[in-house]
Protein backbone atom coordinates (compact mmCIF):
# COMPACT_ATOMS: atom_id res chain seq x y z
CA UNK A 1 -5.00 14.64 -18.11
CA UNK A 2 -4.73 11.42 -16.09
CA UNK A 3 -3.50 11.58 -12.54
CA UNK A 4 -3.03 8.91 -9.98
CA UNK A 5 -4.66 9.79 -6.59
CA UNK A 6 -2.24 9.71 -3.71
CA UNK A 7 -3.70 8.60 -0.38
CA UNK A 8 -3.20 10.98 2.55
CA UNK A 9 -3.01 8.76 5.63
CA UNK A 10 -1.69 9.15 9.14
CA UNK A 11 -0.06 7.03 11.88
CA UNK A 12 -3.63 6.77 13.35
CA UNK A 13 -4.79 5.01 10.15
CA UNK A 14 -1.76 2.64 10.41
CA UNK A 15 -2.68 1.76 14.01
CA UNK A 16 -6.41 1.27 13.18
CA UNK A 17 -5.64 -1.07 10.23
CA UNK A 18 -2.98 -3.07 12.24
CA UNK A 19 -5.59 -3.56 15.00
CA UNK A 20 -8.28 -4.55 12.43
CA UNK A 21 -6.12 -6.94 10.38
CA UNK A 22 -3.94 -8.33 13.13
CA UNK A 23 -6.15 -8.11 16.32
CA UNK A 24 -4.06 -10.60 18.37
CA UNK A 25 -0.79 -9.27 17.11
CA UNK A 26 -1.28 -5.56 16.66
CA UNK A 27 1.42 -4.47 19.08
CA UNK A 28 3.98 -6.70 17.44
CA UNK A 29 2.92 -5.59 13.92
CA UNK A 30 3.09 -1.88 14.91
CA UNK A 31 6.62 -2.42 16.39
CA UNK A 32 7.66 -4.17 13.12
CA UNK A 33 6.15 -1.47 10.96
CA UNK A 34 7.96 1.27 13.13
CA UNK A 35 11.25 -0.24 11.74
CA UNK A 36 10.34 1.32 8.40
CA UNK A 37 11.49 4.95 8.30
CA UNK A 38 14.81 4.49 10.13
CA UNK A 39 16.86 5.26 7.06
CA UNK A 40 16.71 8.54 5.30
CA UNK A 41 15.54 6.95 2.05
CA UNK A 42 12.63 5.31 3.65
CA UNK A 43 10.00 7.90 2.80
CA UNK A 44 6.32 8.35 3.40
CA UNK A 45 6.12 6.19 6.53
CA UNK A 46 2.37 6.13 7.22
CA UNK A 47 1.58 5.58 3.51
CA UNK A 48 4.14 2.83 3.00
CA UNK A 49 3.24 1.08 6.34
CA UNK A 50 -0.37 1.05 5.13
CA UNK A 51 0.75 -0.44 1.88
CA UNK A 52 2.62 -3.11 3.68
CA UNK A 53 -0.51 -3.86 5.76
CA UNK A 54 -2.75 -4.03 2.69
CA UNK A 55 -0.39 -6.40 0.85
CA UNK A 56 0.00 -8.60 4.01
CA UNK A 57 -3.75 -9.07 4.18
CA UNK A 58 -3.63 -10.27 7.83
CA UNK A 59 -0.71 -12.72 7.25
CA UNK A 60 2.36 -12.16 9.49
CA UNK A 61 4.69 -14.01 7.03
CA UNK A 62 3.56 -11.73 4.19
CA UNK A 63 3.86 -8.68 6.38
CA UNK A 64 7.49 -9.41 6.99
CA UNK A 65 8.08 -10.08 3.37
CA UNK A 66 6.32 -6.88 2.30
CA UNK A 67 8.21 -4.91 5.00
CA UNK A 68 11.51 -6.20 3.56
CA UNK A 69 10.53 -5.15 0.06
CA UNK A 70 9.56 -1.72 1.33
CA UNK A 71 13.03 -1.30 2.93
CA UNK A 72 14.59 -2.15 -0.43
CA UNK A 73 12.44 0.09 -2.57
CA UNK A 74 9.23 1.58 -1.02
CA UNK A 75 7.79 2.19 -4.49
CA UNK A 76 7.24 -1.51 -5.03
CA UNK A 77 4.87 -1.84 -2.17
CA UNK A 78 3.03 1.34 -3.18
CA UNK A 79 2.53 0.06 -6.70
CA UNK A 80 1.08 -3.26 -5.45
CA UNK A 81 -1.16 -1.73 -2.74
CA UNK A 82 -2.35 1.43 -4.46
CA UNK A 83 -2.03 1.01 -8.29
CA UNK A 84 -2.26 -2.66 -9.13
CA UNK A 85 -4.91 -2.44 -11.89
CA UNK A 86 -3.06 0.45 -13.58
CA UNK A 87 0.35 -1.33 -13.29
CA UNK A 88 -1.13 -4.55 -14.73
CA UNK A 89 -2.75 -2.61 -17.51
CA UNK A 90 0.43 -0.79 -18.44
CA UNK A 91 2.53 -3.95 -18.13
CA UNK A 92 0.33 -5.69 -20.71
CA UNK A 93 -0.44 -2.63 -22.82
CA UNK A 94 2.44 -0.22 -22.81
CA UNK A 95 0.25 2.53 -24.34
CA UNK A 96 -3.29 2.01 -23.13
CA UNK A 97 -6.14 4.18 -24.25
CA UNK A 98 -6.94 7.19 -22.02
CA UNK A 99 -10.17 5.57 -21.17
CA UNK A 100 -8.72 2.23 -20.15
CA UNK A 101 -6.07 4.05 -18.12
CA UNK A 102 -8.70 6.16 -16.41
CA UNK A 103 -10.79 3.11 -15.61
CA UNK A 104 -7.87 1.38 -14.04
CA UNK A 105 -7.04 4.42 -11.98
CA UNK A 106 -10.60 4.75 -10.75
CA UNK A 107 -10.74 1.05 -9.94
CA UNK A 108 -7.49 1.16 -7.92
CA UNK A 109 -8.71 4.24 -5.97
CA UNK A 110 -12.10 2.69 -5.27
CA UNK A 111 -10.67 -0.55 -4.09
CA UNK A 112 -8.09 1.28 -1.86
CA UNK A 113 -10.74 3.52 -0.28
CA UNK A 114 -13.00 0.45 0.31
CA UNK A 115 -10.15 -1.44 2.01
CA UNK A 116 -9.13 1.58 4.09
CA UNK A 117 -12.72 2.33 5.25
CA UNK A 118 -13.93 -1.20 6.14
């Protein structure tokens, strides 16, 4: 059975990545990210905040955009940051083979871990 890995991350991971990707603006970025989670439906704060950082890729304008998307529906940023190859595959092939699906899952996980650990 196929299963998507789910990252287990912490606020410390968020702070580290914010400092890595926004060295001159880390405090501002962390303050902005802290705004996600104020509402009851804004779940999985560290995970979503990391997804926003990944999709922003060091660009403040993109960070603000992704943060706004997260506040509307956090699943959108999770999909883009954690499951892009799988999402693309299933968008173009509604019933991909188990092998293709597994390859996409493994590719997504490998890329996420590489990004997180660099």
